[in-house]
Each structure stands twice: as C-alpha cells, then as structure tokens.
Amino acid sequence: MAAQLAPNSVKTYHLAPEGFVAARNKLLRQKAAFFAGILVFLFVVQYRVFGDSWRQDSIASLFPALFAFFITLAALVFGVIRGIKRNQESWITYELTIGEDFLIRRIKDFPELEIQRHEITAVKESVVGLHVETKLKDRAIRIASALVDYDDAKERLSRWMPIQESQQDWIATGSWMWALPVLFLILFCGFYLSSKSWMILATGIPLLVGLSWSIWLIHKSVQVSAQMKRLSLIAFLPLLSIAAKLILAIRNWR
C-alpha cells in the first residue's frame, strides 16, 4: 500500500483499536496512585475535624466522616469511568493526516492542530512512538506506535528530516506532571490544616499562583479538549476559598 502512494500524496492514519487497552491500563495505574493520595488527605482532614468525637467510642459519630469518604470515593470512581470513556473516544476519533508539506492532527472535542513542514524543528522517536516538535512547545504532535501503518508514517516524515532517537519518551516526560497534583495536595494539607498565619501564607500563595497559572495554561493549550477546559473553570471555587483564607490570615495574624 505504501509503495503505491506518491511521495506528495495525502494520507490519513488512525490508531489501532486494540492498542487502547494498554493505554487504558497505564492510565489507570497512574490515576490509582493519585486518587489514593486524595483519599489519605480526606481521611486526615476528617480525623482533624471529627477526631474528638471518634475517641468517644460512639459509632454514630463516624457517620459524617464515612458519608464524606464514600461520597468522595463515588465521585472519584465516576470521574475515572467518565475519563476512560473520553479517552477511548479520543483514541477512536484520532486522525493524523500527512501531506506533501503539512501534518494535521484531529481528535473529537480537541482543537485541530496543523503543522507546516517548515515549522518542524525535530522529529524524535522513542519506544512509544514519534514526537513532532516545533519552536513552540505546545505546538507538537505525538504519534503513538499503535498507529495503523506506523512505519509508513515514519518513512514519510523521515523524508522531511532525519528522525532522532529520543532517550526519554514523551509519556515519561509527561509523567512528571503527576508530581504537580501531589505537590498541590501537600500544599492543600498544610494550608487547610494549619492555624498559623505564616504557614497559611507559605502554602496559600503558591496554591493561588499555581492554580491561576494552571487555568491559564489549560485554556491556552491546543493539547487539551474543550470539555476539560470547561471543567477547569471549577477551579475558580477553590481559588476564591484560598484568597478568602489568606485575607483572614493576614487580618488575624497569629
């Protein structure tokens, strides 16, 4: 099939449906560790609030904490199920079009991303696929090795420039981003569990700046779906809460 296509022909590629299982399992492993941290954080908060009543050996005193725990657990499970469905839909609708001098990525609910040949600064390959880079970090296209006719797409791109071997795959590079939610979780613990003004400021200011920056980055990125951009607006609620507590900590310094 590849031999029948002219060098300047336009061809559209899709991801192999069976490849989603491995991607889903990897995503579940990553989310499991993060959600476990959220549940531990919730338990610590609940113990701080209801600790005295727990020590009274009253079973009824556990009900508020258990209710909050199971509500949060149900919300997390629901979020994971919805997330898997969205990821599967993105996987199925993924389209990569390679023309004579352009590259287009289309995914349902994502902005269409087109990169001209002259914009490309590097094409790197790792164990998980290709990464087409430009001068702008956000304007990049990832091509998973699960792509149908992956070798053909790789050969066509190699005509544009030599493909470099990447020592660190783009999933591993992106996985460090999981450290950011963990950092936010630690800051939230210090912020909401502390009664010292200096501690509230030391943790609250990074939270305020970090959340604001994250919202701006999400809405600017072409790598984030429209639905995720809408959901990110919920972050304004904790932003208002953090700002209010910071003001109170400054006014009632102790």
C-alpha atoms as a PDB file:
ATOM      1  CA  MET A   1       0.000   0.000   0.000  1.00  0.00           C
ATOM      2  CA  ALA A   2       2.780   2.425   0.931  1.00  0.00           C
ATOM      3  CA  ALA A   3       4.587   1.687  -2.334  1.00  0.00           C
ATOM      4  CA  GLN A   4       1.504   2.696  -4.339  1.00  0.00           C
ATOM      5  CA  LEU A   5       1.311   6.159  -2.781  1.00  0.00           C
ATOM      6  CA  ALA A   6       3.136   9.021  -4.440  1.00  0.00           C
ATOM      7  CA  PRO A   7       5.589  10.904  -2.186  1.00  0.00           C
ATOM      8  CA  ASN A   8       3.384  14.011  -2.259  1.00  0.00           C
ATOM      9  CA  SER A   9       0.070  12.192  -1.735  1.00  0.00           C
ATOM     10  CA  VAL A  10      -2.155  12.924   1.238  1.00  0.00           C
ATOM     11  CA  LYS A  11      -2.847  10.038   3.592  1.00  0.00           C
ATOM     12  CA  THR A  12      -4.864   9.834   6.813  1.00  0.00           C
ATOM     13  CA  TYR A  13      -3.898   7.429   9.596  1.00  0.00           C
ATOM     14  CA  HIS A  14      -5.845   6.127  12.596  1.00  0.00           C
ATOM     15  CA  LEU A  15      -4.939   4.374  15.830  1.00  0.00           C
ATOM     16  CA  ALA A  16      -5.418   0.625  16.084  1.00  0.00           C
ATOM     17  CA  PRO A  17      -8.497  -0.018  18.303  1.00  0.00           C
ATOM     18  CA  GLU A  18      -6.783  -2.907  20.120  1.00  0.00           C
ATOM     19  CA  GLY A  19      -3.984  -0.568  21.237  1.00  0.00           C
ATOM     20  CA  PHE A  20      -6.309   1.303  23.588  1.00  0.00           C
ATOM     21  CA  VAL A  21      -6.265  -1.492  26.197  1.00  0.00           C
ATOM     22  CA  ALA A  22      -2.577  -0.951  27.002  1.00  0.00           C
ATOM     23  CA  ALA A  23      -3.039   2.845  27.101  1.00  0.00           C
ATOM     24  CA  ARG A  24      -6.075   2.483  29.394  1.00  0.00           C
ATOM     25  CA  ASN A  25      -4.218   0.193  31.822  1.00  0.00           C
ATOM     26  CA  LYS A  26      -1.295   2.620  32.026  1.00  0.00           C
ATOM     27  CA  LEU A  27      -3.679   5.496  32.718  1.00  0.00           C
ATOM     28  CA  LEU A  28      -5.441   3.527  35.459  1.00  0.00           C
ATOM     29  CA  ARG A  29      -2.142   2.763  37.208  1.00  0.00           C
ATOM     30  CA  GLN A  30      -1.186   6.425  37.163  1.00  0.00           C
ATOM     31  CA  LYS A  31      -4.564   7.618  38.451  1.00  0.00           C
ATOM     32  CA  ALA A  32      -4.708   4.967  41.193  1.00  0.00           C
ATOM     33  CA  ALA A  33      -1.670   6.392  42.979  1.00  0.00           C
ATOM     34  CA  PHE A  34      -3.012   9.947  42.790  1.00  0.00           C
ATOM     35  CA  PHE A  35      -6.512   9.033  43.972  1.00  0.00           C
ATOM     36  CA  ALA A  36      -5.045   7.044  46.859  1.00  0.00           C
ATOM     37  CA  GLY A  37      -3.338  10.271  47.944  1.00  0.00           C
ATOM     38  CA  ILE A  38      -6.653  12.137  47.770  1.00  0.00           C
ATOM     39  CA  LEU A  39      -8.339   9.538  49.996  1.00  0.00           C
ATOM     40  CA  VAL A  40      -5.486   9.705  52.529  1.00  0.00           C
ATOM     41  CA  PHE A  41      -5.770  13.501  52.509  1.00  0.00           C
ATOM     42  CA  LEU A  42      -9.523  13.254  53.082  1.00  0.00           C
ATOM     43  CA  PHE A  43      -9.003  10.821  55.970  1.00  0.00           C
ATOM     44  CA  VAL A  44      -6.509  13.179  57.627  1.00  0.00           C
ATOM     45  CA  VAL A  45      -8.913  16.107  57.261  1.00  0.00           C
ATOM     46  CA  GLN A  46     -11.818  14.071  58.634  1.00  0.00           C
ATOM     47  CA  TYR A  47      -9.741  12.914  61.610  1.00  0.00           C
ATOM     48  CA  ARG A  48      -8.760  16.513  62.310  1.00  0.00           C
ATOM     49  CA  VAL A  49     -12.411  17.603  62.277  1.00  0.00           C
ATOM     50  CA  PHE A  50     -14.062  14.617  63.945  1.00  0.00           C
ATOM     51  CA  GLY A  51     -11.142  13.188  65.919  1.00  0.00           C
ATOM     52  CA  ASP A  52     -12.545  14.115  69.330  1.00  0.00           C
ATOM     53  CA  SER A  53     -15.928  12.535  68.670  1.00  0.00           C
ATOM     54  CA  TRP A  54     -14.277   9.376  67.305  1.00  0.00           C
ATOM     55  CA  ARG A  55     -12.475   8.867  70.584  1.00  0.00           C
ATOM     56  CA  GLN A  56     -15.792   8.813  72.447  1.00  0.00           C
ATOM     57  CA  ASP A  57     -16.395   5.269  71.151  1.00  0.00           C
ATOM     58  CA  SER A  58     -19.627   6.364  69.510  1.00  0.00           C
ATOM     59  CA  ILE A  59     -20.446   4.551  66.274  1.00  0.00           C
ATOM     60  CA  ALA A  60     -22.865   7.298  65.266  1.00  0.00           C
ATOM     61  CA  SER A  61     -20.008   9.814  65.405  1.00  0.00           C
ATOM     62  CA  LEU A  62     -18.394   8.021  62.472  1.00  0.00           C
ATOM     63  CA  PHE A  63     -21.335   8.585  60.130  1.00  0.00           C
ATOM     64  CA  PRO A  64     -20.400  12.131  58.939  1.00  0.00           C
ATOM     65  CA  ALA A  65     -16.834  11.056  58.184  1.00  0.00           C
ATOM     66  CA  LEU A  66     -17.895   7.840  56.465  1.00  0.00           C
ATOM     67  CA  PHE A  67     -20.509   9.710  54.443  1.00  0.00           C
ATOM     68  CA  ALA A  68     -17.937  12.230  53.196  1.00  0.00           C
ATOM     69  CA  PHE A  69     -15.450   9.425  52.489  1.00  0.00           C
ATOM     70  CA  PHE A  70     -17.856   7.345  50.393  1.00  0.00           C
ATOM     71  CA  ILE A  71     -19.214  10.382  48.554  1.00  0.00           C
ATOM     72  CA  THR A  72     -15.669  11.319  47.562  1.00  0.00           C
ATOM     73  CA  LEU A  73     -14.872   7.714  46.623  1.00  0.00           C
ATOM     74  CA  ALA A  74     -18.003   7.520  44.451  1.00  0.00           C
ATOM     75  CA  ALA A  75     -17.092  10.826  42.783  1.00  0.00           C
ATOM     76  CA  LEU A  76     -13.572   9.548  42.038  1.00  0.00           C
ATOM     77  CA  VAL A  77     -14.868   6.279  40.587  1.00  0.00           C
ATOM     78  CA  PHE A  78     -17.407   8.162  38.473  1.00  0.00           C
ATOM     79  CA  GLY A  79     -14.653  10.513  37.286  1.00  0.00           C
ATOM     80  CA  VAL A  80     -12.404   7.591  36.318  1.00  0.00           C
ATOM     81  CA  ILE A  81     -15.188   5.892  34.345  1.00  0.00           C
ATOM     82  CA  ARG A  82     -16.024   9.131  32.533  1.00  0.00           C
ATOM     83  CA  GLY A  83     -12.334   9.748  31.900  1.00  0.00           C
ATOM     84  CA  ILE A  84     -11.837   6.301  30.383  1.00  0.00           C
ATOM     85  CA  LYS A  85     -14.828   6.823  28.086  1.00  0.00           C
ATOM     86  CA  ARG A  86     -13.465  10.197  26.956  1.00  0.00           C
ATOM     87  CA  ASN A  87     -10.001   8.724  26.366  1.00  0.00           C
ATOM     88  CA  GLN A  88     -11.471   5.864  24.371  1.00  0.00           C
ATOM     89  CA  GLU A  89     -13.474   8.320  22.268  1.00  0.00           C
ATOM     90  CA  SER A  90     -10.334  10.379  21.667  1.00  0.00           C
ATOM     91  CA  TRP A  91      -8.447   7.230  20.698  1.00  0.00           C
ATOM     92  CA  ILE A  92     -11.129   6.127  18.222  1.00  0.00           C
ATOM     93  CA  THR A  93     -11.525   9.582  16.633  1.00  0.00           C
ATOM     94  CA  TYR A  94      -7.784  10.300  16.373  1.00  0.00           C
ATOM     95  CA  GLU A  95      -6.767  11.183  12.822  1.00  0.00           C
ATOM     96  CA  LEU A  96      -3.316  12.007  11.534  1.00  0.00           C
ATOM     97  CA  THR A  97      -3.088  13.435   8.028  1.00  0.00           C
ATOM     98  CA  ILE A  98       0.287  13.717   6.311  1.00  0.00           C
ATOM     99  CA  GLY A  99       0.536  15.713   3.084  1.00  0.00           C
ATOM    100  CA  GLU A 100       3.360  16.992   0.939  1.00  0.00           C
ATOM    101  CA  ASP A 101       4.317  19.770   3.354  1.00  0.00           C
ATOM    102  CA  PHE A 102       1.886  19.624   6.257  1.00  0.00           C
ATOM    103  CA  LEU A 103       0.802  17.481   9.174  1.00  0.00           C
ATOM    104  CA  ILE A 104      -2.686  17.651  10.730  1.00  0.00           C
ATOM    105  CA  ARG A 105      -3.950  16.064  13.942  1.00  0.00           C
ATOM    106  CA  ARG A 106      -7.686  15.790  14.519  1.00  0.00           C
ATOM    107  CA  ILE A 107      -9.372  14.471  17.668  1.00  0.00           C
ATOM    108  CA  LYS A 108     -13.011  14.898  18.642  1.00  0.00           C
ATOM    109  CA  ASP A 109     -13.504  17.810  21.073  1.00  0.00           C
ATOM    110  CA  PHE A 110      -9.862  18.924  20.611  1.00  0.00           C
ATOM    111  CA  PRO A 111      -8.710  21.912  18.558  1.00  0.00           C
ATOM    112  CA  GLU A 112      -7.439  20.862  15.146  1.00  0.00           C
ATOM    113  CA  LEU A 113      -3.659  21.167  15.066  1.00  0.00           C
ATOM    114  CA  GLU A 114      -1.851  21.752  11.755  1.00  0.00           C
ATOM    115  CA  ILE A 115       1.924  21.983  11.489  1.00  0.00           C
ATOM    116  CA  GLN A 116       3.638  23.066   8.301  1.00  0.00           C
ATOM    117  CA  ARG A 117       6.821  21.298   7.241  1.00  0.00           C
ATOM    118  CA  HIS A 118       8.926  24.443   7.633  1.00  0.00           C
ATOM    119  CA  GLU A 119       7.777  24.800  11.280  1.00  0.00           C
ATOM    120  CA  ILE A 120       9.161  21.429  12.358  1.00  0.00           C
ATOM    121  CA  THR A 121      12.397  21.597  14.314  1.00  0.00           C
ATOM    122  CA  ALA A 122      12.786  17.897  15.137  1.00  0.00           C
ATOM    123  CA  VAL A 123      11.146  14.508  14.771  1.00  0.00           C
ATOM    124  CA  LYS A 124      12.105  12.222  17.643  1.00  0.00           C
ATOM    125  CA  GLU A 125      11.310   8.557  18.146  1.00  0.00           C
ATOM    126  CA  SER A 126      11.103   6.628  21.400  1.00  0.00           C
ATOM    127  CA  VAL A 127       9.727   3.243  22.400  1.00  0.00           C
ATOM    128  CA  VAL A 128       6.173   4.640  22.432  1.00  0.00           C
ATOM    129  CA  GLY A 129       6.205   6.485  19.111  1.00  0.00           C
ATOM    130  CA  LEU A 130       7.156   9.693  17.330  1.00  0.00           C
ATOM    131  CA  HIS A 131       7.137  13.255  18.621  1.00  0.00           C
ATOM    132  CA  VAL A 132       6.993  16.032  16.039  1.00  0.00           C
ATOM    133  CA  GLU A 133       8.328  19.236  17.599  1.00  0.00           C
ATOM    134  CA  THR A 134       8.256  22.930  16.675  1.00  0.00           C
ATOM    135  CA  LYS A 135       9.727  26.048  18.255  1.00  0.00           C
ATOM    136  CA  LEU A 136       6.564  26.371  20.357  1.00  0.00           C
ATOM    137  CA  LYS A 137       6.406  23.600  22.951  1.00  0.00           C
ATOM    138  CA  ASP A 138       2.617  23.367  22.845  1.00  0.00           C
ATOM    139  CA  ARG A 139       2.558  23.026  19.040  1.00  0.00           C
ATOM    140  CA  ALA A 140       3.680  19.424  18.895  1.00  0.00           C
ATOM    141  CA  ILE A 141       2.103  16.235  17.597  1.00  0.00           C
ATOM    142  CA  ARG A 142       2.509  12.862  19.252  1.00  0.00           C
ATOM    143  CA  ILE A 143       2.244   9.788  17.071  1.00  0.00           C
ATOM    144  CA  ALA A 144       1.769   6.574  19.017  1.00  0.00           C
ATOM    145  CA  SER A 145       3.398   3.372  17.792  1.00  0.00           C
ATOM    146  CA  ALA A 146      -0.123   1.884  17.853  1.00  0.00           C
ATOM    147  CA  LEU A 147      -0.871   3.897  14.701  1.00  0.00           C
ATOM    148  CA  VAL A 148      -2.055   1.744  11.797  1.00  0.00           C
ATOM    149  CA  ASP A 149       0.747   1.819   9.168  1.00  0.00           C
ATOM    150  CA  TYR A 150       3.071   3.450  11.697  1.00  0.00           C
ATOM    151  CA  ASP A 151       6.161   2.513   9.679  1.00  0.00           C
ATOM    152  CA  ASP A 152       4.703   4.179   6.607  1.00  0.00           C
ATOM    153  CA  ALA A 153       4.025   7.421   8.524  1.00  0.00           C
ATOM    154  CA  LYS A 154       7.549   7.292   9.960  1.00  0.00           C
ATOM    155  CA  GLU A 155       9.060   6.785   6.492  1.00  0.00           C
ATOM    156  CA  ARG A 156       7.130   9.750   5.078  1.00  0.00           C
ATOM    157  CA  LEU A 157       8.280  12.024   7.902  1.00  0.00           C
ATOM    158  CA  SER A 158      11.865  10.840   7.503  1.00  0.00           C
ATOM    159  CA  ARG A 159      11.822  12.415   4.014  1.00  0.00           C
ATOM    160  CA  TRP A 160      11.393  15.797   5.683  1.00  0.00           C
ATOM    161  CA  MET A 161      14.286  15.442   8.109  1.00  0.00           C
ATOM    162  CA  PRO A 162      16.310  12.710   9.827  1.00  0.00           C
ATOM    163  CA  ILE A 163      14.461  11.104  12.740  1.00  0.00           C
ATOM    164  CA  GLN A 164      16.348  11.397  16.008  1.00  0.00           C
ATOM    165  CA  GLU A 165      16.376   8.759  18.701  1.00  0.00           C
ATOM    166  CA  SER A 166      14.911  10.078  21.934  1.00  0.00           C
ATOM    167  CA  GLN A 167      16.407   8.854  25.192  1.00  0.00           C
ATOM    168  CA  GLN A 168      13.263   9.805  27.103  1.00  0.00           C
ATOM    169  CA  ASP A 169       9.845   9.002  25.680  1.00  0.00           C
ATOM    170  CA  TRP A 170       7.139  11.687  25.687  1.00  0.00           C
ATOM    171  CA  ILE A 171       4.942   9.712  28.067  1.00  0.00           C
ATOM    172  CA  ALA A 172       7.802   9.531  30.573  1.00  0.00           C
ATOM    173  CA  THR A 173       8.433  13.237  30.044  1.00  0.00           C
ATOM    174  CA  GLY A 174       4.778  13.980  30.697  1.00  0.00           C
ATOM    175  CA  SER A 175       4.555  11.640  33.661  1.00  0.00           C
ATOM    176  CA  TRP A 176       6.485  14.080  35.836  1.00  0.00           C
ATOM    177  CA  MET A 177       3.371  16.235  35.582  1.00  0.00           C
ATOM    178  CA  TRP A 178       1.774  13.788  38.012  1.00  0.00           C
ATOM    179  CA  ALA A 179       4.138  15.218  40.613  1.00  0.00           C
ATOM    180  CA  LEU A 180       2.328  18.564  40.364  1.00  0.00           C
ATOM    181  CA  PRO A 181      -1.025  17.264  41.734  1.00  0.00           C
ATOM    182  CA  VAL A 182       0.899  15.570  44.551  1.00  0.00           C
ATOM    183  CA  LEU A 183       2.624  18.877  45.322  1.00  0.00           C
ATOM    184  CA  PHE A 184      -0.734  20.683  45.281  1.00  0.00           C
ATOM    185  CA  LEU A 185      -2.117  18.022  47.624  1.00  0.00           C
ATOM    186  CA  ILE A 186       0.709  18.604  50.115  1.00  0.00           C
ATOM    187  CA  LEU A 187       0.192  22.363  49.924  1.00  0.00           C
ATOM    188  CA  PHE A 188      -3.563  21.924  50.469  1.00  0.00           C
ATOM    189  CA  CYS A 189      -2.827  19.824  53.576  1.00  0.00           C
ATOM    190  CA  GLY A 190      -0.576  22.498  55.010  1.00  0.00           C
ATOM    191  CA  PHE A 191      -2.972  25.273  54.027  1.00  0.00           C
ATOM    192  CA  TYR A 192      -6.242  23.875  55.421  1.00  0.00           C
ATOM    193  CA  LEU A 193      -4.884  22.012  58.442  1.00  0.00           C
ATOM    194  CA  SER A 194      -2.641  24.773  59.785  1.00  0.00           C
ATOM    195  CA  SER A 195      -3.774  27.524  62.126  1.00  0.00           C
ATOM    196  CA  LYS A 196      -0.521  29.522  61.928  1.00  0.00           C
ATOM    197  CA  SER A 197      -0.710  32.602  59.734  1.00  0.00           C
ATOM    198  CA  TRP A 198       2.821  32.212  58.358  1.00  0.00           C
ATOM    199  CA  MET A 199       2.082  28.613  57.352  1.00  0.00           C
ATOM    200  CA  ILE A 200      -1.172  29.622  55.679  1.00  0.00           C
ATOM    201  CA  LEU A 201       0.677  32.270  53.652  1.00  0.00           C
ATOM    202  CA  ALA A 202       3.605  29.967  52.837  1.00  0.00           C
ATOM    203  CA  THR A 203       1.289  27.342  51.370  1.00  0.00           C
ATOM    204  CA  GLY A 204      -1.611  29.518  50.188  1.00  0.00           C
ATOM    205  CA  ILE A 205       0.353  31.879  47.949  1.00  0.00           C
ATOM    206  CA  PRO A 206       1.933  29.044  45.885  1.00  0.00           C
ATOM    207  CA  LEU A 207      -1.516  27.443  45.630  1.00  0.00           C
ATOM    208  CA  LEU A 208      -3.094  30.683  44.441  1.00  0.00           C
ATOM    209  CA  VAL A 209      -0.378  31.322  41.864  1.00  0.00           C
ATOM    210  CA  GLY A 210      -0.172  27.678  40.795  1.00  0.00           C
ATOM    211  CA  LEU A 211      -3.909  27.209  40.266  1.00  0.00           C
ATOM    212  CA  SER A 212      -4.203  30.506  38.382  1.00  0.00           C
ATOM    213  CA  TRP A 213      -1.285  29.556  36.146  1.00  0.00           C
ATOM    214  CA  SER A 214      -2.770  26.077  35.548  1.00  0.00           C
ATOM    215  CA  ILE A 215      -6.143  27.504  34.479  1.00  0.00           C
ATOM    216  CA  TRP A 216      -4.437  29.923  32.089  1.00  0.00           C
ATOM    217  CA  LEU A 217      -2.211  27.164  30.667  1.00  0.00           C
ATOM    218  CA  ILE A 218      -5.136  24.773  30.143  1.00  0.00           C
ATOM    219  CA  HIS A 219      -7.202  27.354  28.266  1.00  0.00           C
ATOM    220  CA  LYS A 220      -4.235  28.351  26.105  1.00  0.00           C
ATOM    221  CA  SER A 221      -3.216  24.809  25.167  1.00  0.00           C
ATOM    222  CA  VAL A 222      -4.249  23.070  21.942  1.00  0.00           C
ATOM    223  CA  GLN A 223      -3.482  19.737  23.612  1.00  0.00           C
ATOM    224  CA  VAL A 224      -6.489  19.988  25.972  1.00  0.00           C
ATOM    225  CA  SER A 225     -10.052  19.140  24.990  1.00  0.00           C
ATOM    226  CA  ALA A 226     -12.848  21.706  25.081  1.00  0.00           C
ATOM    227  CA  GLN A 227     -14.615  19.707  27.789  1.00  0.00           C
ATOM    228  CA  MET A 228     -11.549  19.751  30.059  1.00  0.00           C
ATOM    229  CA  LYS A 229     -11.237  23.495  29.512  1.00  0.00           C
ATOM    230  CA  ARG A 230     -14.823  23.961  30.674  1.00  0.00           C
ATOM    231  CA  LEU A 231     -14.301  21.705  33.701  1.00  0.00           C
ATOM    232  CA  SER A 232     -11.168  23.618  34.672  1.00  0.00           C
ATOM    233  CA  LEU A 233     -13.347  26.652  35.446  1.00  0.00           C
ATOM    234  CA  ILE A 234     -14.466  24.811  38.594  1.00  0.00           C
ATOM    235  CA  ALA A 235     -11.005  25.631  39.958  1.00  0.00           C
ATOM    236  CA  PHE A 236     -12.210  29.209  40.491  1.00  0.00           C
ATOM    237  CA  LEU A 237     -14.141  27.975  43.548  1.00  0.00           C
ATOM    238  CA  PRO A 238     -11.046  26.816  45.498  1.00  0.00           C
ATOM    239  CA  LEU A 239      -9.255  29.939  44.246  1.00  0.00           C
ATOM    240  CA  LEU A 240     -11.862  32.137  45.939  1.00  0.00           C
ATOM    241  CA  SER A 241     -11.662  29.996  49.089  1.00  0.00           C
ATOM    242  CA  ILE A 242      -7.863  30.271  49.198  1.00  0.00           C
ATOM    243  CA  ALA A 243      -7.946  34.026  48.627  1.00  0.00           C
ATOM    244  CA  ALA A 244     -10.509  34.477  51.428  1.00  0.00           C
ATOM    245  CA  LYS A 245      -8.480  32.451  53.916  1.00  0.00           C
ATOM    246  CA  LEU A 246      -5.287  34.330  53.007  1.00  0.00           C
ATOM    247  CA  ILE A 247      -7.015  37.655  53.697  1.00  0.00           C
ATOM    248  CA  LEU A 248      -8.309  36.385  57.047  1.00  0.00           C
ATOM    249  CA  ALA A 249      -4.860  35.050  57.988  1.00  0.00           C
ATOM    250  CA  ILE A 250      -3.298  38.455  57.320  1.00  0.00           C
ATOM    251  CA  ARG A 251      -6.026  40.366  59.162  1.00  0.00           C
ATOM    252  CA  ASN A 252      -5.935  37.995  62.166  1.00  0.00           C
ATOM    253  CA  TRP A 253      -2.216  37.357  62.323  1.00  0.00           C
ATOM    254  CA  ARG A 254      -1.098  34.803  64.882  1.00  0.00           C
END
